[in-house]
Amino acid sequence: MSLHTVAWQAVPPAPWRNGGGQTRELLAWPQAQDWALRVSVADIDQDGPFSAFAGVQRWFAVLEGEGVGLDFGHRFERVQRAQPPVVFDGQDAPDCGLIDGPTRDLNFMLQTAQGRGRMVDVASEARWPAGPLWRALYTQSDQVLLCGATPVAVAAGSLLWSTDDHQDWQLAAYPQAGQAWWLCFNPEPSRTAP
């Protein structure tokens, strides 16, 4: 079993081209330039449009701050802490407006031509069954992850991921909504995520 951990504080921020914020890329897998999935933490400092990502499905959750309003033209989403992640087509590139000051956000992106996956709040699904090729936990608070019966400490602000762990995952302490998220990816488009 190989578990990998990345703390967002350890990743240098990269400023956005439009100057509206900065992103810390926690993981681009399996390769940085040719990724099937990407996990990042973004700081949004001002209103402005999201970048367009054709062929990409995106999940977006607010980690800190009062949240944002996402205007897709045909629909509007108000996204705040302790809400389920919003999922949308990366090509849609919504206009983003801050509700009340800067926010910090978790982003999960998948190349839809390479497979299927999802991101869910741990508060809605306490156990994450084995099965996906790639799966991960991102947590805002210190947690103990039970990999089968093996406890693994996970520090706040960390992404823990694996491609070869065949044990069910569960957190020792049930987190509040908006504190931890399960993420998964299967490379076969026809395969259903857990």
Protein backbone atom coordinates (compact mmCIF):
# COMPACT_ATOMS: atom_id res chain seq x y z
CA MET A 1 0.00 0.00 0.00
CA SER A 2 1.44 3.36 -1.06
CA LEU A 3 -0.14 6.49 0.39
CA HIS A 4 1.07 9.87 -0.82
CA THR A 5 0.46 13.16 0.98
CA VAL A 6 0.70 16.76 -0.27
CA ALA A 7 0.11 19.76 2.02
CA TRP A 8 -1.20 22.87 0.29
CA GLN A 9 1.13 25.09 2.37
CA ALA A 10 4.16 23.27 0.91
CA VAL A 11 3.21 24.07 -2.71
CA PRO A 12 4.33 27.42 -4.18
CA PRO A 13 1.43 29.52 -5.49
CA ALA A 14 1.17 30.36 -9.18
CA PRO A 15 -0.58 33.67 -10.01
CA TRP A 16 -3.47 33.68 -12.45
CA ARG A 17 -2.99 35.37 -15.82
CA ASN A 18 -5.91 37.71 -15.08
CA GLY A 19 -4.48 38.71 -11.68
CA GLY A 20 -7.63 37.63 -9.85
CA GLY A 21 -5.97 35.10 -7.60
CA GLN A 22 -3.46 32.29 -7.34
CA THR A 23 -3.48 28.51 -7.48
CA ARG A 24 -1.47 25.83 -5.70
CA GLU A 25 -1.46 22.64 -7.77
CA LEU A 26 -1.41 19.76 -5.29
CA LEU A 27 -1.40 17.04 -7.92
CA ALA A 28 -1.54 16.54 -11.68
CA TRP A 29 -1.77 12.80 -12.34
CA PRO A 30 -0.28 10.74 -13.91
CA GLN A 31 1.91 13.50 -15.43
CA ALA A 32 2.05 17.26 -14.97
CA GLN A 33 1.82 18.10 -18.69
CA ASP A 34 -0.53 15.27 -19.75
CA TRP A 35 -2.84 14.87 -16.78
CA ALA A 36 -5.99 12.81 -16.45
CA LEU A 37 -6.86 14.53 -13.16
CA ARG A 38 -5.77 17.65 -11.34
CA VAL A 39 -6.33 18.75 -7.73
CA SER A 40 -5.62 22.32 -6.64
CA VAL A 41 -6.34 24.90 -3.97
CA ALA A 42 -7.09 28.39 -5.26
CA ASP A 43 -7.23 31.77 -3.54
CA ILE A 44 -9.74 34.06 -5.27
CA ASP A 45 -9.01 37.70 -4.49
CA GLN A 46 -11.36 39.52 -6.87
CA ASP A 47 -14.26 39.04 -9.25
CA GLY A 48 -13.52 37.65 -12.69
CA PRO A 49 -14.05 34.77 -15.11
CA PHE A 50 -12.80 31.23 -14.62
CA SER A 51 -10.48 29.84 -17.27
CA ALA A 52 -12.09 27.53 -19.82
CA PHE A 53 -11.04 23.85 -19.84
CA ALA A 54 -12.54 22.02 -22.81
CA GLY A 55 -13.19 18.31 -22.24
CA VAL A 56 -12.84 18.66 -18.47
CA GLN A 57 -15.36 18.04 -15.70
CA ARG A 58 -14.81 20.28 -12.67
CA TRP A 59 -15.81 20.08 -9.01
CA PHE A 60 -15.54 23.21 -6.86
CA ALA A 61 -15.92 23.58 -3.06
CA VAL A 62 -15.31 26.55 -0.76
CA LEU A 63 -12.72 25.94 1.97
CA GLU A 64 -12.52 29.39 3.59
CA GLY A 65 -14.28 32.73 3.23
CA GLU A 66 -17.89 33.61 2.50
CA GLY A 67 -17.97 31.96 -0.90
CA VAL A 68 -18.72 32.96 -4.47
CA GLY A 69 -21.50 33.31 -7.00
CA LEU A 70 -20.88 31.48 -10.29
CA ASP A 71 -22.76 32.87 -13.29
CA PHE A 72 -22.93 30.35 -16.14
CA GLY A 73 -25.23 32.51 -18.24
CA HIS A 74 -27.98 29.87 -18.26
CA ARG A 75 -27.80 29.28 -14.49
CA PHE A 76 -26.41 30.84 -11.30
CA GLU A 77 -24.82 28.93 -8.41
CA ARG A 78 -24.14 30.43 -4.98
CA VAL A 79 -21.32 28.35 -3.44
CA GLN A 80 -20.47 28.61 0.27
CA ARG A 81 -18.76 26.55 2.94
CA ALA A 82 -20.48 23.36 4.14
CA GLN A 83 -22.32 22.98 0.83
CA PRO A 84 -21.84 20.04 -1.52
CA PRO A 85 -19.30 20.63 -4.28
CA VAL A 86 -20.61 22.22 -7.46
CA VAL A 87 -19.86 20.18 -10.58
CA PHE A 88 -19.80 21.68 -14.07
CA ASP A 89 -18.34 21.42 -17.55
CA GLY A 90 -14.94 23.11 -17.61
CA GLN A 91 -15.71 24.67 -20.99
CA ASP A 92 -18.51 26.71 -19.39
CA ALA A 93 -15.97 29.00 -17.60
CA PRO A 94 -18.43 30.90 -15.37
CA ASP A 95 -18.04 34.48 -14.22
CA CYS A 96 -17.10 34.40 -10.53
CA GLY A 97 -18.21 37.06 -8.05
CA LEU A 98 -17.04 37.13 -4.43
CA ILE A 99 -19.89 37.20 -1.89
CA ASP A 100 -17.97 39.04 0.85
CA GLY A 101 -14.19 39.12 0.45
CA PRO A 102 -11.56 36.62 -0.71
CA THR A 103 -12.11 32.87 -0.62
CA ARG A 104 -9.99 29.74 -0.68
CA ASP A 105 -11.37 26.89 -2.74
CA LEU A 106 -10.76 23.23 -3.60
CA ASN A 107 -10.80 22.29 -7.30
CA PHE A 108 -10.92 18.80 -8.80
CA MET A 109 -10.69 18.44 -12.59
CA LEU A 110 -10.96 15.30 -14.74
CA GLN A 111 -10.31 14.78 -18.44
CA THR A 112 -13.63 13.22 -19.43
CA ALA A 113 -12.11 11.38 -22.41
CA GLN A 114 -9.81 9.49 -20.03
CA GLY A 115 -12.27 8.28 -17.41
CA ARG A 116 -14.87 9.02 -14.77
CA GLY A 117 -14.77 10.14 -11.16
CA ARG A 118 -16.32 12.37 -8.58
CA MET A 119 -15.79 14.44 -5.45
CA VAL A 120 -18.14 14.28 -2.47
CA ASP A 121 -18.26 15.71 1.03
CA VAL A 122 -17.19 13.06 3.57
CA ALA A 123 -20.07 14.17 5.79
CA SER A 124 -22.45 12.70 3.19
CA GLU A 125 -20.57 9.40 2.69
CA ALA A 126 -18.76 8.20 5.81
CA ARG A 127 -17.09 5.19 4.17
CA TRP A 128 -15.22 5.22 0.84
CA PRO A 129 -15.09 1.67 -0.55
CA ALA A 130 -12.09 0.23 -2.34
CA GLY A 131 -12.39 0.02 -6.10
CA PRO A 132 -11.29 3.12 -8.03
CA LEU A 133 -7.81 3.06 -9.53
CA TRP A 134 -7.08 6.49 -7.99
CA ARG A 135 -8.71 7.81 -4.84
CA ALA A 136 -7.97 10.55 -2.38
CA LEU A 137 -8.97 12.46 0.73
CA TYR A 138 -8.62 16.21 1.14
CA THR A 139 -9.16 17.49 4.67
CA GLN A 140 -9.39 20.93 6.24
CA SER A 141 -8.90 19.55 9.75
CA ASP A 142 -6.53 17.03 11.34
CA GLN A 143 -7.96 13.57 10.78
CA VAL A 144 -7.17 9.89 11.23
CA LEU A 145 -7.93 7.85 8.14
CA LEU A 146 -8.66 4.16 8.70
CA CYS A 147 -7.33 2.16 5.73
CA GLY A 148 -9.06 -1.07 6.63
CA ALA A 149 -7.88 -1.38 10.25
CA THR A 150 -4.69 0.67 9.76
CA PRO A 151 -4.84 4.24 11.16
CA VAL A 152 -3.09 6.97 9.15
CA ALA A 153 -2.76 10.54 10.48
CA VAL A 154 -3.63 13.22 7.92
CA ALA A 155 -2.80 16.84 8.74
CA ALA A 156 -5.16 19.72 8.06
CA GLY A 157 -4.80 21.19 4.58
CA SER A 158 -3.52 17.94 3.06
CA LEU A 159 -4.36 15.74 0.10
CA LEU A 160 -3.75 12.03 0.71
CA TRP A 161 -3.98 9.80 -2.36
CA SER A 162 -3.28 6.26 -3.52
CA THR A 163 -3.45 4.08 -6.63
CA ASP A 164 -2.85 0.72 -4.99
CA ASP A 165 -4.76 0.64 -1.69
CA HIS A 166 -7.43 -2.07 -1.75
CA GLN A 167 -8.87 -1.41 1.73
CA ASP A 168 -12.06 0.51 2.48
CA TRP A 169 -11.40 4.02 3.81
CA GLN A 170 -13.17 5.69 6.71
CA LEU A 171 -12.38 8.61 9.00
CA ALA A 172 -12.06 7.80 12.70
CA ALA A 173 -13.95 10.97 13.62
CA TYR A 174 -16.98 11.98 11.57
CA PRO A 175 -16.22 15.47 10.17
CA GLN A 176 -18.60 18.38 9.82
CA ALA A 177 -19.81 19.24 6.34
CA GLY A 178 -17.26 21.26 4.41
CA GLN A 179 -14.28 19.83 6.33
CA ALA A 180 -13.22 16.82 4.23
CA TRP A 181 -13.87 15.40 0.75
CA TRP A 182 -13.46 12.04 -0.99
CA LEU A 183 -12.17 12.13 -4.57
CA CYS A 184 -11.87 9.25 -7.04
CA PHE A 185 -11.02 8.45 -10.65
CA ASN A 186 -11.35 5.37 -12.86
CA PRO A 187 -9.65 5.41 -16.27
CA GLU A 188 -12.35 3.28 -17.94
CA PRO A 189 -15.20 5.60 -19.04
CA SER A 190 -17.75 2.82 -18.64
CA ARG A 191 -16.79 1.95 -15.07
CA THR A 192 -18.97 3.39 -12.32
CA ALA A 193 -17.37 5.22 -9.38
CA PRO A 194 -18.34 4.06 -5.87
